[in-house]
Amino acid sequence: MDPAHAVAVAGWESHTTRLRFLICRCFRLPVVSSLWTPDGEQPIRPARSDTGGGGGPGSAGPGPSDVLDDEAMIEQVEEMRRQLAESPVEVVIANHCYGLFELSAVYLSQLPPLLAQARVAIDAMAALVDGLEGRLGEAEPQLRDGLSQLRLAYVQIDGAQRAGAAATEGAANGTSEASGPADGGTGDSGDSTGA
């Protein structure tokens, strides 16, 4: 980016021409098997050496194949970052909103529904959709519709749960009242005439 074209956003000025992210190369998380890009999930397939150069179970430390794996992974991450930088920001944010929609739907579809978690995911999607109103491009109408559907589903499920809890509580209270008080079912604890 040309420094002459740097834009101050919300009072912040860019002092660098390129954003820099720290990449920790000291360890690798084995649970990360893919990286999200605008084209979808991209599997991370580190190059493996068939020579068994060490670094496997029982070895004393990282071998040459592990160094190649790290280098290949760094190259893949850089390529995915390049693809991400070439994508319009509206598309990237819309994809995150779709992910939040799916996350909300997963929580709402559990038995019993996980309403507290669903509410956080719905609120996160609302923060993006409502906060970026008019700036999400052609996906905005679908995102607004999806957000409305999630909110409606949340209210319906929450209402059904509350009604079910009230009915259960009422049935429990009604059962004990149906048997009547201990005085024979009249409801009187004594003579009300005062005689």
Protein backbone atom coordinates (compact mmCIF):
# COMPACT_ATOMS: atom_id res chain seq x y z
CA MET A 1 0.00 0.00 0.00
CA ASP A 2 1.28 3.42 -0.92
CA PRO A 3 1.75 5.54 2.25
CA ALA A 4 0.25 8.50 0.37
CA HIS A 5 -2.98 6.53 0.14
CA ALA A 6 -3.09 5.50 3.79
CA VAL A 7 -6.45 6.25 5.35
CA ALA A 8 -6.99 7.19 8.96
CA VAL A 9 -9.81 5.06 10.30
CA ALA A 10 -11.48 6.03 13.56
CA GLY A 11 -8.54 8.24 14.47
CA TRP A 12 -5.93 5.55 13.86
CA GLU A 13 -3.29 6.18 11.28
CA SER A 14 -1.33 3.47 9.57
CA HIS A 15 2.38 3.78 10.25
CA THR A 16 3.30 0.73 8.22
CA THR A 17 2.61 -0.16 4.65
CA ARG A 18 1.89 -3.82 5.42
CA LEU A 19 0.26 -5.47 8.36
CA ARG A 20 2.54 -7.90 10.06
CA PHE A 21 1.42 -10.95 11.99
CA LEU A 22 3.61 -12.89 14.32
CA ILE A 23 3.94 -16.53 13.36
CA CYS A 24 5.11 -18.78 16.11
CA ARG A 25 7.39 -21.41 14.65
CA CYS A 26 8.40 -23.00 17.93
CA PHE A 27 5.53 -25.51 18.00
CA ARG A 28 2.75 -26.87 15.87
CA LEU A 29 -0.70 -27.81 17.08
CA PRO A 30 -1.49 -31.33 15.86
CA VAL A 31 -5.26 -30.72 16.03
CA VAL A 32 -5.21 -28.10 13.28
CA SER A 33 -6.00 -30.01 10.10
CA SER A 34 -7.38 -27.20 7.95
CA LEU A 35 -7.40 -23.48 7.45
CA TRP A 36 -10.40 -21.40 6.46
CA THR A 37 -10.24 -19.45 3.21
CA PRO A 38 -12.95 -17.70 1.17
CA ASP A 39 -13.04 -20.80 -1.04
CA GLY A 40 -13.84 -22.98 1.97
CA GLU A 41 -11.83 -25.17 4.30
CA GLN A 42 -8.40 -25.99 2.94
CA PRO A 43 -6.69 -29.06 4.40
CA ILE A 44 -3.16 -28.59 5.59
CA ARG A 45 -1.15 -31.46 4.21
CA PRO A 46 2.41 -31.14 5.40
CA ALA A 47 4.96 -32.83 3.18
CA ARG A 48 6.02 -36.11 4.75
CA SER A 49 9.28 -37.81 4.12
CA ASP A 50 9.10 -41.59 3.69
CA THR A 51 12.66 -41.92 5.00
CA GLY A 52 11.48 -41.78 8.62
CA GLY A 53 13.93 -39.02 9.47
CA GLY A 54 12.95 -38.80 13.11
CA GLY A 55 10.60 -36.68 15.07
CA GLY A 56 8.14 -39.55 15.36
CA PRO A 57 7.05 -41.27 18.52
CA GLY A 58 9.95 -42.29 20.65
CA SER A 59 12.51 -40.08 18.91
CA ALA A 60 14.74 -37.78 20.88
CA GLY A 61 13.80 -34.62 18.95
CA PRO A 62 12.71 -33.15 15.68
CA GLY A 63 14.24 -34.69 12.62
CA PRO A 64 14.73 -33.35 9.10
CA SER A 65 11.21 -34.36 8.06
CA ASP A 66 9.74 -32.18 10.82
CA VAL A 67 11.67 -29.16 9.55
CA LEU A 68 10.32 -29.82 6.04
CA ASP A 69 6.83 -30.21 7.49
CA ASP A 70 7.10 -26.83 9.21
CA GLU A 71 8.45 -25.17 6.07
CA ALA A 72 5.70 -26.70 3.92
CA MET A 73 3.08 -25.62 6.42
CA ILE A 74 4.42 -22.06 6.46
CA GLU A 75 4.30 -22.00 2.65
CA GLN A 76 0.70 -23.26 2.67
CA VAL A 77 -0.33 -20.68 5.26
CA GLU A 78 1.32 -17.90 3.24
CA GLU A 79 -0.49 -19.05 0.07
CA MET A 80 -3.83 -19.11 1.91
CA ARG A 81 -3.14 -15.66 3.36
CA ARG A 82 -2.43 -14.41 -0.18
CA GLN A 83 -5.76 -15.85 -1.37
CA LEU A 84 -7.51 -14.27 1.60
CA ALA A 85 -5.95 -10.85 0.86
CA GLU A 86 -7.19 -11.07 -2.73
CA SER A 87 -10.78 -11.72 -1.62
CA PRO A 88 -13.23 -8.86 -1.06
CA VAL A 89 -13.65 -8.18 2.64
CA GLU A 90 -17.45 -8.33 2.30
CA VAL A 91 -17.18 -11.95 1.15
CA VAL A 92 -14.86 -12.89 4.01
CA ILE A 93 -17.11 -11.29 6.64
CA ALA A 94 -20.23 -12.83 5.06
CA ASN A 95 -18.58 -16.26 5.30
CA HIS A 96 -17.90 -15.65 8.99
CA CYS A 97 -21.56 -14.69 9.42
CA TYR A 98 -22.61 -17.92 7.71
CA GLY A 99 -20.39 -19.78 10.15
CA LEU A 100 -22.06 -18.00 13.08
CA PHE A 101 -25.46 -18.88 11.59
CA GLU A 102 -24.47 -22.56 11.47
CA LEU A 103 -23.07 -22.41 14.99
CA SER A 104 -26.32 -20.91 16.27
CA ALA A 105 -28.35 -23.56 14.47
CA VAL A 106 -26.22 -26.33 15.99
CA TYR A 107 -26.81 -25.02 19.51
CA LEU A 108 -30.54 -24.53 18.90
CA SER A 109 -30.91 -28.06 17.50
CA GLN A 110 -29.41 -29.84 20.51
CA LEU A 111 -31.66 -31.82 22.84
CA PRO A 112 -32.16 -29.92 25.06
CA PRO A 113 -31.31 -26.74 23.13
CA LEU A 114 -28.25 -24.88 24.37
CA LEU A 115 -29.91 -21.48 24.50
CA ALA A 116 -27.16 -19.59 26.31
CA GLN A 117 -24.56 -20.62 23.72
CA ALA A 118 -26.97 -20.00 20.83
CA ARG A 119 -27.69 -16.52 22.16
CA VAL A 120 -23.99 -15.60 22.13
CA ALA A 121 -23.58 -16.84 18.55
CA ILE A 122 -26.76 -15.01 17.44
CA ASP A 123 -25.60 -11.82 19.16
CA ALA A 124 -22.19 -12.13 17.47
CA MET A 125 -23.83 -12.45 14.07
CA ALA A 126 -26.12 -9.50 14.88
CA ALA A 127 -23.11 -7.40 15.87
CA LEU A 128 -21.60 -7.97 12.44
CA VAL A 129 -24.78 -7.69 10.36
CA ASP A 130 -26.26 -4.72 12.23
CA GLY A 131 -22.91 -3.03 12.83
CA LEU A 132 -21.90 -3.21 9.17
CA GLU A 133 -25.30 -2.28 7.76
CA GLY A 134 -25.01 -1.21 4.14
CA ARG A 135 -21.42 -2.45 3.80
CA LEU A 136 -21.83 -6.22 3.41
CA GLY A 137 -22.46 -6.23 -0.32
CA GLU A 138 -24.88 -8.52 -2.10
CA ALA A 139 -24.94 -11.05 0.77
CA GLU A 140 -26.50 -8.56 3.19
CA PRO A 141 -30.19 -9.37 2.46
CA GLN A 142 -29.58 -13.10 2.99
CA LEU A 143 -27.63 -12.41 6.18
CA ARG A 144 -30.44 -10.21 7.54
CA ASP A 145 -33.01 -12.88 6.67
CA GLY A 146 -30.90 -15.58 8.34
CA LEU A 147 -30.48 -13.44 11.45
CA SER A 148 -34.25 -12.90 11.61
CA GLN A 149 -34.84 -16.65 11.28
CA LEU A 150 -32.39 -17.38 14.09
CA ARG A 151 -33.96 -14.81 16.37
CA LEU A 152 -37.44 -16.19 15.69
CA ALA A 153 -36.28 -19.76 16.29
CA TYR A 154 -34.61 -18.72 19.54
CA VAL A 155 -37.76 -16.99 20.81
CA GLN A 156 -39.96 -19.96 19.82
CA ILE A 157 -37.67 -22.53 21.47
CA ASP A 158 -37.23 -20.40 24.59
CA GLY A 159 -40.99 -19.90 24.84
CA ALA A 160 -41.65 -23.61 24.38
CA GLN A 161 -39.14 -24.46 27.09
CA ARG A 162 -40.67 -21.93 29.49
CA ALA A 163 -44.20 -23.20 28.75
CA GLY A 164 -43.04 -26.78 29.27
CA ALA A 165 -41.39 -25.88 32.55
CA ALA A 166 -44.52 -24.02 33.70
CA ALA A 167 -46.74 -26.95 32.71
CA THR A 168 -44.50 -29.39 34.54
CA GLU A 169 -44.47 -27.16 37.61
CA GLY A 170 -48.25 -26.69 37.40
CA ALA A 171 -48.80 -30.42 37.06
CA ALA A 172 -46.60 -31.06 40.07
CA ASN A 173 -48.46 -28.46 42.10
CA GLY A 174 -51.85 -29.62 40.77
CA THR A 175 -51.13 -33.21 41.74
CA SER A 176 -50.44 -32.30 45.35
CA GLU A 177 -53.50 -30.02 45.51
CA ALA A 178 -55.74 -32.65 43.87
CA SER A 179 -55.14 -35.00 46.77
CA GLY A 180 -56.34 -32.23 49.07
CA PRO A 181 -55.04 -31.00 52.37
CA ALA A 182 -54.51 -33.28 55.29
CA ASP A 183 -57.85 -32.30 56.87
CA GLY A 184 -59.92 -34.53 54.64
CA GLY A 185 -60.01 -32.48 51.48
CA THR A 186 -62.33 -29.69 52.60
CA GLY A 187 -59.66 -27.06 52.62
CA ASP A 188 -60.82 -25.84 56.01
CA SER A 189 -58.41 -26.04 58.85
CA GLY A 190 -61.13 -25.69 61.43
CA ASP A 191 -64.60 -24.40 62.06
CA SER A 192 -65.00 -21.06 60.34
CA THR A 193 -68.25 -20.17 62.09
CA GLY A 194 -66.52 -19.38 65.32
CA ALA A 195 -68.77 -21.71 67.30
